[in-house]
Amino acid sequence: MNCQGLLKIPENLLKLTAMPPILSWYIFKETLQTYAVVTGVLLMILVTNSFAQVLGDAAGDKLPKEVVFQVMGLTSVQYLIILIPISLFLAIMLTLARLYRDSEMDAILSAGIGSVSLYKPLFGLAFVLAVLAGWLSLVVAPEAIAQVEAIAQSTKYRANLSLVEPGRFMNIGSGDTVLYAESVSESGRLKNVFVQRRIGAQLEVVVAEEAMQSDSSDGNIKVLRFFRGRRYEGVAGSPEFRIVEFDEHGIPFVVPEEGPAELLPETQPLSVLINSTGPDARAELQWRLSFPLAVLVLTILAVPLSRGRPRQSRYSGLAAGVLIYIMYANLLGVAKVWVEKEQVSPVIGMWWVHGLFLAVGILMLLQQYGVLRRIFPRRSVVEYS
């Protein structure tokens, strides 16, 4: 190692305040505008895809129609948390790549302003977005996920035959009754109905031309009424069955009481996660903190990755950037699973992933300034004939 090379680090590498305010504002504004466009486009794609799925659930009566927009808003919060790091990463790369392409960066560098000075305006934006990502991931998102889970559970316990999809089997009541209908009329009547119910060892099968649901005096009990059909009763595996033909027949079933939604790690508030020592809680806490940390780490990575030549396409470095982001996100997911399964100490946790990519960004920056070549100079090999 060349120790003297450590003393020859370019001065601009250490000058983080050398950029004039007007130039800092220009880079900040250009990056912010690009970030808004990238975030808007990506969010629109994700929300449109989710909106189609939610509308399908509402059309199939799997979801109350009155909560469609509420579910979409809550889902958008989760999408926004994911998009903040990647959108800023792409925005910085696109903005700086345009400056290189239009030779504006050459003018900036020729004025004695180093690439590291670019971090002054970029970190101003990154810090604001990191705080926003932290607030959303630590506070807002858990509440949003809890509300979505509560809506899903409430829908699950709705005992209404309008939830029946023609041609599909459906559990009703406490789950011991299976219902199938060939079609559903506009009035809500089921056509060509098959129902199987178990009462202990007893098996009861009803086949009818039509069926409809009615309420009883007990709000927790519904009555399924059948018209023009047969009822088969007996013990499964036994050849002895009782067959009854009827014009009208009713089967009561109990609607399960709606209990509190299951408290998943994703829905637990920050105070609970901090005071918990379980592996799931530790992994969830580190996962939430990963979003603001990823904003800062990706900002450092974006500057050396965006470096290009004049008149080079501003999209030429995006492939490498997207690949690095995919590796970053996947490693975070793997590290989260390792913490949950206690294969990695919580002290190491997911922090090593952030440290790894932070080190990669710093090394790339040092490589561009030639610092690594000065510290580790290449030795020439002399061949003797």
Protein backbone atom coordinates (compact mmCIF):
# COMPACT_ATOMS: atom_id res chain seq x y z
CA MET A 1 0.00 0.00 0.00
CA ASN A 2 1.24 3.46 -0.88
CA CYS A 3 0.80 5.47 2.31
CA GLN A 4 1.73 8.71 0.55
CA GLY A 5 -1.23 8.21 -1.74
CA LEU A 6 -3.53 8.87 1.21
CA LEU A 7 -2.14 12.40 1.34
CA LYS A 8 -2.81 13.02 -2.35
CA ILE A 9 -6.58 12.79 -2.25
CA PRO A 10 -7.98 15.49 -4.56
CA GLU A 11 -9.05 18.59 -2.71
CA ASN A 12 -12.45 18.67 -4.40
CA LEU A 13 -13.19 15.27 -2.92
CA LEU A 14 -13.21 16.85 0.52
CA LYS A 15 -14.95 20.12 -0.34
CA LEU A 16 -18.62 19.57 0.21
CA THR A 17 -19.47 23.29 0.40
CA ALA A 18 -17.58 24.49 -2.67
CA MET A 19 -20.67 24.58 -4.90
CA PRO A 20 -22.29 28.03 -5.31
CA PRO A 21 -25.84 28.34 -3.94
CA ILE A 22 -27.35 29.07 -7.36
CA LEU A 23 -25.85 25.87 -8.75
CA SER A 24 -26.98 23.88 -5.72
CA TRP A 25 -30.50 25.17 -6.19
CA TYR A 26 -30.40 24.29 -9.90
CA ILE A 27 -29.40 20.67 -9.24
CA PHE A 28 -31.89 20.42 -6.37
CA LYS A 29 -34.73 21.73 -8.55
CA GLU A 30 -33.89 19.49 -11.52
CA THR A 31 -33.68 16.41 -9.28
CA LEU A 32 -36.93 17.27 -7.49
CA GLN A 33 -38.79 17.70 -10.78
CA THR A 34 -37.48 14.40 -12.11
CA TYR A 35 -38.32 12.70 -8.82
CA ALA A 36 -41.92 13.95 -8.99
CA VAL A 37 -42.32 12.64 -12.55
CA VAL A 38 -40.76 9.24 -11.79
CA THR A 39 -42.80 8.80 -8.61
CA GLY A 40 -46.00 9.85 -10.35
CA VAL A 41 -45.52 7.42 -13.23
CA LEU A 42 -44.55 4.45 -11.04
CA LEU A 43 -47.31 5.17 -8.52
CA MET A 44 -49.89 5.42 -11.29
CA ILE A 45 -48.82 2.03 -12.67
CA LEU A 46 -49.03 0.35 -9.27
CA VAL A 47 -52.30 2.01 -8.27
CA THR A 48 -53.94 1.22 -11.63
CA ASN A 49 -53.04 -2.44 -11.29
CA SER A 50 -54.28 -2.52 -7.69
CA PHE A 51 -57.43 -0.59 -8.59
CA ALA A 52 -58.39 -3.19 -11.20
CA GLN A 53 -57.99 -5.96 -8.62
CA VAL A 54 -59.98 -4.10 -5.95
CA LEU A 55 -62.77 -3.33 -8.43
CA GLY A 56 -62.86 -7.02 -9.35
CA ASP A 57 -63.26 -7.95 -5.69
CA ALA A 58 -66.00 -5.36 -5.26
CA ALA A 59 -67.81 -6.56 -8.40
CA GLY A 60 -67.67 -10.12 -7.06
CA ASP A 61 -69.00 -8.90 -3.68
CA LYS A 62 -65.80 -9.98 -1.96
CA LEU A 63 -65.37 -6.41 -0.80
CA PRO A 64 -67.97 -3.81 0.20
CA LYS A 65 -68.30 -1.29 -2.60
CA GLU A 66 -68.35 1.62 -0.17
CA VAL A 67 -64.77 0.94 0.99
CA VAL A 68 -63.14 0.64 -2.45
CA PHE A 69 -61.53 4.08 -2.38
CA GLN A 70 -60.57 3.69 1.28
CA VAL A 71 -58.72 0.46 0.48
CA MET A 72 -57.06 2.12 -2.52
CA GLY A 73 -55.87 5.03 -0.38
CA LEU A 74 -54.49 2.73 2.30
CA THR A 75 -52.74 0.58 -0.30
CA SER A 76 -51.21 3.65 -1.94
CA VAL A 77 -49.44 4.48 1.32
CA GLN A 78 -47.59 1.17 1.16
CA TYR A 79 -46.71 1.74 -2.48
CA LEU A 80 -45.37 5.22 -1.72
CA ILE A 81 -42.99 3.88 0.93
CA ILE A 82 -41.52 1.44 -1.56
CA LEU A 83 -41.26 4.07 -4.29
CA ILE A 84 -39.49 6.79 -2.30
CA PRO A 85 -36.01 5.15 -2.36
CA ILE A 86 -36.11 3.81 -5.92
CA SER A 87 -37.69 6.98 -7.34
CA LEU A 88 -35.03 9.21 -5.79
CA PHE A 89 -32.30 6.82 -6.96
CA LEU A 90 -33.56 6.93 -10.56
CA ALA A 91 -34.21 10.68 -10.40
CA ILE A 92 -30.62 11.45 -9.36
CA MET A 93 -29.21 9.16 -12.04
CA LEU A 94 -31.41 10.68 -14.75
CA THR A 95 -30.69 14.25 -13.70
CA LEU A 96 -26.91 13.88 -13.46
CA ALA A 97 -26.80 11.78 -16.64
CA ARG A 98 -28.51 14.64 -18.49
CA LEU A 99 -25.96 17.09 -17.11
CA TYR A 100 -23.16 14.85 -18.39
CA ARG A 101 -24.85 14.40 -21.76
CA ASP A 102 -25.34 18.15 -22.26
CA SER A 103 -21.74 18.88 -21.12
CA GLU A 104 -23.08 20.92 -18.20
CA MET A 105 -21.25 18.66 -15.79
CA ASP A 106 -17.99 19.27 -17.67
CA ALA A 107 -18.45 22.98 -17.06
CA ILE A 108 -19.14 22.35 -13.37
CA LEU A 109 -16.09 20.13 -12.97
CA SER A 110 -13.85 22.52 -14.90
CA ALA A 111 -14.77 25.23 -12.41
CA GLY A 112 -13.03 23.20 -9.71
CA ILE A 113 -16.20 21.75 -8.22
CA GLY A 114 -15.82 18.05 -7.48
CA SER A 115 -18.47 15.38 -7.86
CA VAL A 116 -18.71 15.01 -4.10
CA SER A 117 -19.95 18.59 -3.91
CA LEU A 118 -23.06 17.38 -5.69
CA TYR A 119 -24.07 15.66 -2.47
CA LYS A 120 -24.84 19.02 -0.84
CA PRO A 121 -28.08 19.68 -2.81
CA LEU A 122 -28.84 15.98 -3.25
CA PHE A 123 -28.64 15.20 0.44
CA GLY A 124 -30.92 18.16 1.15
CA LEU A 125 -33.63 16.41 -0.85
CA ALA A 126 -32.63 12.94 0.35
CA PHE A 127 -32.86 13.96 4.01
CA VAL A 128 -36.41 15.31 3.59
CA LEU A 129 -37.49 12.16 1.75
CA ALA A 130 -35.77 9.93 4.32
CA VAL A 131 -37.73 11.62 7.11
CA LEU A 132 -40.92 11.20 5.09
CA ALA A 133 -40.16 7.53 4.40
CA GLY A 134 -39.38 6.96 8.08
CA TRP A 135 -42.63 8.56 9.19
CA LEU A 136 -44.67 6.58 6.67
CA SER A 137 -42.98 3.23 7.39
CA LEU A 138 -42.83 3.59 11.18
CA VAL A 139 -46.16 5.25 11.91
CA VAL A 140 -48.57 5.54 8.98
CA ALA A 141 -48.10 2.21 7.16
CA PRO A 142 -48.81 -0.03 10.21
CA GLU A 143 -52.08 1.78 10.80
CA ALA A 144 -52.98 1.51 7.11
CA ILE A 145 -52.22 -2.22 7.01
CA ALA A 146 -54.25 -2.74 10.20
CA GLN A 147 -57.25 -1.00 8.63
CA VAL A 148 -57.00 -3.09 5.47
CA GLU A 149 -56.82 -6.27 7.58
CA ALA A 150 -59.85 -5.13 9.59
CA ILE A 151 -61.84 -4.52 6.40
CA ALA A 152 -60.82 -7.93 5.03
CA GLN A 153 -61.82 -9.68 8.26
CA SER A 154 -65.13 -7.82 8.42
CA THR A 155 -65.88 -8.92 4.86
CA LYS A 156 -64.93 -12.48 5.74
CA TYR A 157 -67.59 -12.64 8.44
CA ARG A 158 -70.35 -11.12 6.35
CA ALA A 159 -72.93 -13.89 5.94
CA ASN A 160 -74.67 -12.84 2.75
CA LEU A 161 -75.52 -15.01 -0.25
CA SER A 162 -74.61 -12.12 -2.54
CA LEU A 163 -71.03 -13.22 -1.86
CA VAL A 164 -71.67 -16.49 -3.66
CA GLU A 165 -69.88 -16.84 -6.98
CA PRO A 166 -71.64 -19.08 -9.49
CA GLY A 167 -69.76 -22.27 -10.19
CA ARG A 168 -67.57 -22.09 -7.07
CA PHE A 169 -67.78 -23.78 -3.66
CA MET A 170 -68.07 -21.49 -0.63
CA ASN A 171 -67.88 -22.03 3.13
CA ILE A 172 -70.69 -20.40 5.07
CA GLY A 173 -71.48 -20.16 8.74
CA SER A 174 -68.77 -21.49 11.02
CA GLY A 175 -67.08 -23.30 8.15
CA ASP A 176 -68.88 -26.64 8.55
CA THR A 177 -71.27 -25.92 5.66
CA VAL A 178 -70.24 -25.90 2.00
CA LEU A 179 -72.45 -24.23 -0.61
CA TYR A 180 -72.43 -24.44 -4.40
CA ALA A 181 -74.77 -22.69 -6.85
CA GLU A 182 -74.83 -23.04 -10.60
CA SER A 183 -76.14 -19.50 -11.09
CA VAL A 184 -77.51 -16.49 -9.20
CA SER A 185 -80.53 -14.50 -10.39
CA GLU A 186 -80.76 -10.70 -10.27
CA SER A 187 -83.06 -10.99 -7.24
CA GLY A 188 -80.37 -12.93 -5.36
CA ARG A 189 -81.95 -16.39 -5.64
CA LEU A 190 -79.57 -19.29 -6.14
CA LYS A 191 -80.28 -21.77 -8.90
CA ASN A 192 -79.42 -25.51 -8.85
CA VAL A 193 -77.96 -25.50 -5.35
CA PHE A 194 -75.83 -28.10 -3.59
CA VAL A 195 -75.12 -27.89 0.16
CA GLN A 196 -73.13 -30.22 2.37
CA ARG A 197 -73.17 -29.88 6.15
CA ARG A 198 -71.50 -31.95 8.87
CA ILE A 199 -73.04 -32.30 12.33
CA GLY A 200 -70.60 -34.46 14.28
CA ALA A 201 -70.41 -37.80 12.45
CA GLN A 202 -73.65 -37.04 10.62
CA LEU A 203 -73.44 -35.87 7.02
CA GLU A 204 -76.29 -33.93 5.43
CA VAL A 205 -76.50 -33.13 1.73
CA VAL A 206 -79.20 -30.96 0.18
CA VAL A 207 -79.84 -30.62 -3.55
CA ALA A 208 -82.47 -28.09 -4.62
CA GLU A 209 -83.65 -26.13 -7.62
CA GLU A 210 -83.56 -22.80 -5.78
CA ALA A 211 -82.41 -21.33 -2.49
CA MET A 212 -82.49 -18.01 -0.72
CA GLN A 213 -81.32 -16.55 2.59
CA SER A 214 -83.54 -15.08 5.29
CA ASP A 215 -82.90 -13.57 8.70
CA SER A 216 -84.08 -14.93 12.03
CA SER A 217 -84.96 -13.31 15.32
CA ASP A 218 -81.39 -14.01 16.44
CA GLY A 219 -79.02 -11.69 14.64
CA ASN A 220 -76.26 -14.33 14.75
CA ILE A 221 -78.36 -16.97 12.98
CA LYS A 222 -79.33 -17.02 9.31
CA VAL A 223 -81.70 -19.42 7.61
CA LEU A 224 -80.94 -20.90 4.20
CA ARG A 225 -84.27 -21.84 2.57
CA PHE A 226 -84.42 -24.41 -0.23
CA PHE A 227 -87.21 -25.03 -2.71
CA ARG A 228 -88.04 -28.21 -4.62
CA GLY A 229 -85.25 -30.61 -3.77
CA ARG A 230 -83.97 -33.58 -1.80
CA ARG A 231 -82.11 -34.05 1.47
CA TYR A 232 -79.75 -36.95 2.12
CA GLU A 233 -78.82 -37.81 5.74
CA GLY A 234 -76.43 -40.44 7.02
CA VAL A 235 -72.97 -41.30 8.29
CA ALA A 236 -70.08 -40.98 5.85
CA GLY A 237 -68.97 -44.43 4.68
CA SER A 238 -72.26 -46.07 5.65
CA PRO A 239 -74.62 -47.39 2.92
CA GLU A 240 -77.68 -46.41 4.99
CA PHE A 241 -78.93 -42.96 4.08
CA ARG A 242 -82.24 -41.27 4.66
CA ILE A 243 -83.68 -39.50 1.62
CA VAL A 244 -86.35 -36.83 2.02
CA GLU A 245 -88.03 -34.93 -0.82
CA PHE A 246 -89.40 -31.48 -0.06
CA ASP A 247 -91.01 -28.44 -1.60
CA GLU A 248 -89.47 -26.11 0.98
CA HIS A 249 -86.79 -26.76 3.56
CA GLY A 250 -84.70 -24.52 5.83
CA ILE A 251 -81.25 -24.95 7.35
CA PRO A 252 -80.15 -22.53 10.08
CA PHE A 253 -76.48 -21.66 10.35
CA VAL A 254 -74.62 -19.57 12.88
CA VAL A 255 -72.76 -16.50 11.73
CA PRO A 256 -69.38 -16.41 13.54
CA GLU A 257 -68.85 -13.38 15.71
CA GLU A 258 -66.49 -10.84 14.33
CA GLY A 259 -63.44 -10.72 16.57
CA PRO A 260 -60.50 -8.33 16.61
CA ALA A 261 -58.13 -8.50 13.69
CA GLU A 262 -55.01 -10.58 14.19
CA LEU A 263 -52.12 -8.42 15.36
CA LEU A 264 -49.48 -9.12 12.73
CA PRO A 265 -45.93 -7.73 13.06
CA GLU A 266 -46.69 -5.42 10.11
CA THR A 267 -49.57 -3.83 12.03
CA GLN A 268 -47.89 -3.42 15.41
CA PRO A 269 -47.15 0.15 16.49
CA LEU A 270 -43.59 1.37 16.87
CA SER A 271 -43.72 1.41 20.68
CA VAL A 272 -44.62 -2.30 20.75
CA LEU A 273 -41.79 -3.23 18.37
CA ILE A 274 -39.21 -1.28 20.38
CA ASN A 275 -40.17 -2.98 23.64
CA SER A 276 -40.41 -6.46 22.09
CA THR A 277 -37.48 -8.87 22.04
CA GLY A 278 -39.04 -11.44 19.69
CA PRO A 279 -37.27 -12.15 16.37
CA ASP A 280 -40.34 -11.19 14.32
CA ALA A 281 -40.58 -7.81 16.03
CA ARG A 282 -36.83 -7.17 15.65
CA ALA A 283 -36.98 -8.04 11.97
CA GLU A 284 -40.03 -5.84 11.40
CA LEU A 285 -38.45 -2.86 13.18
CA GLN A 286 -35.25 -3.13 11.15
CA TRP A 287 -37.29 -3.55 7.97
CA ARG A 288 -39.17 -0.32 8.62
CA LEU A 289 -35.94 1.52 9.36
CA SER A 290 -34.47 0.19 6.12
CA PHE A 291 -36.57 2.53 3.98
CA PRO A 292 -35.11 5.84 5.25
CA LEU A 293 -31.64 4.28 5.37
CA ALA A 294 -32.01 3.05 1.78
CA VAL A 295 -32.84 6.60 0.68
CA LEU A 296 -29.47 7.86 1.97
CA VAL A 297 -27.44 4.86 0.76
CA LEU A 298 -28.94 4.96 -2.74
CA THR A 299 -28.23 8.69 -2.93
CA ILE A 300 -24.54 7.97 -2.37
CA LEU A 301 -24.61 5.21 -4.98
CA ALA A 302 -26.43 7.27 -7.60
CA VAL A 303 -23.70 9.91 -8.05
CA PRO A 304 -20.87 7.62 -9.26
CA LEU A 305 -23.31 5.44 -11.20
CA SER A 306 -24.65 8.41 -13.17
CA ARG A 307 -21.27 9.47 -14.52
CA GLY A 308 -21.17 9.42 -18.33
CA ARG A 309 -19.69 10.98 -21.43
CA PRO A 310 -21.01 14.00 -23.38
CA ARG A 311 -23.85 13.19 -25.82
CA GLN A 312 -24.25 9.79 -24.20
CA SER A 313 -27.86 8.70 -23.62
CA ARG A 314 -29.15 9.64 -20.18
CA TYR A 315 -30.63 6.14 -19.89
CA SER A 316 -27.37 4.28 -20.55
CA GLY A 317 -26.59 3.72 -16.86
CA LEU A 318 -30.12 2.87 -15.74
CA ALA A 319 -29.72 -0.86 -16.36
CA ALA A 320 -26.81 -1.07 -13.94
CA GLY A 321 -28.66 1.11 -11.46
CA VAL A 322 -31.82 -1.00 -11.57
CA LEU A 323 -29.74 -4.17 -11.20
CA ILE A 324 -28.00 -2.77 -8.12
CA TYR A 325 -31.33 -1.75 -6.62
CA ILE A 326 -32.79 -5.23 -7.21
CA MET A 327 -29.77 -6.79 -5.48
CA TYR A 328 -30.13 -4.30 -2.62
CA ALA A 329 -33.86 -5.00 -2.14
CA ASN A 330 -33.46 -8.77 -2.42
CA LEU A 331 -30.63 -8.86 0.11
CA LEU A 332 -32.76 -6.83 2.52
CA GLY A 333 -35.55 -9.37 2.12
CA VAL A 334 -33.16 -12.26 2.72
CA ALA A 335 -31.68 -10.57 5.78
CA LYS A 336 -35.18 -9.99 7.18
CA VAL A 337 -35.97 -13.69 6.89
CA TRP A 338 -32.67 -14.58 8.57
CA VAL A 339 -33.49 -12.34 11.52
CA GLU A 340 -37.01 -13.79 11.80
CA LYS A 341 -35.61 -17.34 11.84
CA GLU A 342 -32.84 -16.29 14.27
CA GLN A 343 -30.16 -17.40 11.82
CA VAL A 344 -28.46 -14.02 12.23
CA SER A 345 -27.96 -12.04 15.41
CA PRO A 346 -30.23 -8.95 15.66
CA VAL A 347 -27.07 -6.91 16.25
CA ILE A 348 -25.98 -7.75 12.70
CA GLY A 349 -29.55 -7.99 11.49
CA MET A 350 -30.15 -6.13 8.26
CA TRP A 351 -27.52 -3.46 8.92
CA TRP A 352 -24.82 -5.36 7.02
CA VAL A 353 -26.76 -4.93 3.76
CA HIS A 354 -26.80 -1.13 4.13
CA GLY A 355 -23.13 -1.16 5.09
CA LEU A 356 -22.22 -3.29 2.09
CA PHE A 357 -23.85 -1.00 -0.47
CA LEU A 358 -22.60 2.10 1.32
CA ALA A 359 -19.08 0.73 1.00
CA VAL A 360 -19.67 -0.02 -2.68
CA GLY A 361 -20.77 3.57 -3.28
CA ILE A 362 -17.76 5.02 -1.48
CA LEU A 363 -15.36 2.72 -3.34
CA MET A 364 -16.89 3.69 -6.69
CA LEU A 365 -16.49 7.35 -5.81
CA LEU A 366 -12.85 6.85 -4.79
CA GLN A 367 -12.24 4.90 -7.98
CA GLN A 368 -13.52 7.74 -10.14
CA TYR A 369 -11.21 10.19 -8.38
CA GLY A 370 -8.24 7.89 -8.85
CA VAL A 371 -7.70 7.58 -5.10
CA LEU A 372 -7.61 3.79 -5.24
CA ARG A 373 -4.98 3.89 -7.97
CA ARG A 374 -2.82 6.12 -5.79
CA ILE A 375 -3.25 3.92 -2.74
CA PHE A 376 -2.83 0.68 -4.68
CA PRO A 377 -0.64 1.54 -7.69
CA ARG A 378 -0.24 -1.06 -10.38
CA ARG A 379 3.21 -2.63 -10.51
CA SER A 380 4.70 -2.92 -13.94
CA VAL A 381 5.97 -6.37 -14.90
CA VAL A 382 9.26 -6.39 -16.84
CA GLU A 383 9.70 -9.35 -19.10
CA TYR A 384 13.26 -10.43 -19.79
CA SER A 385 13.97 -12.32 -22.95
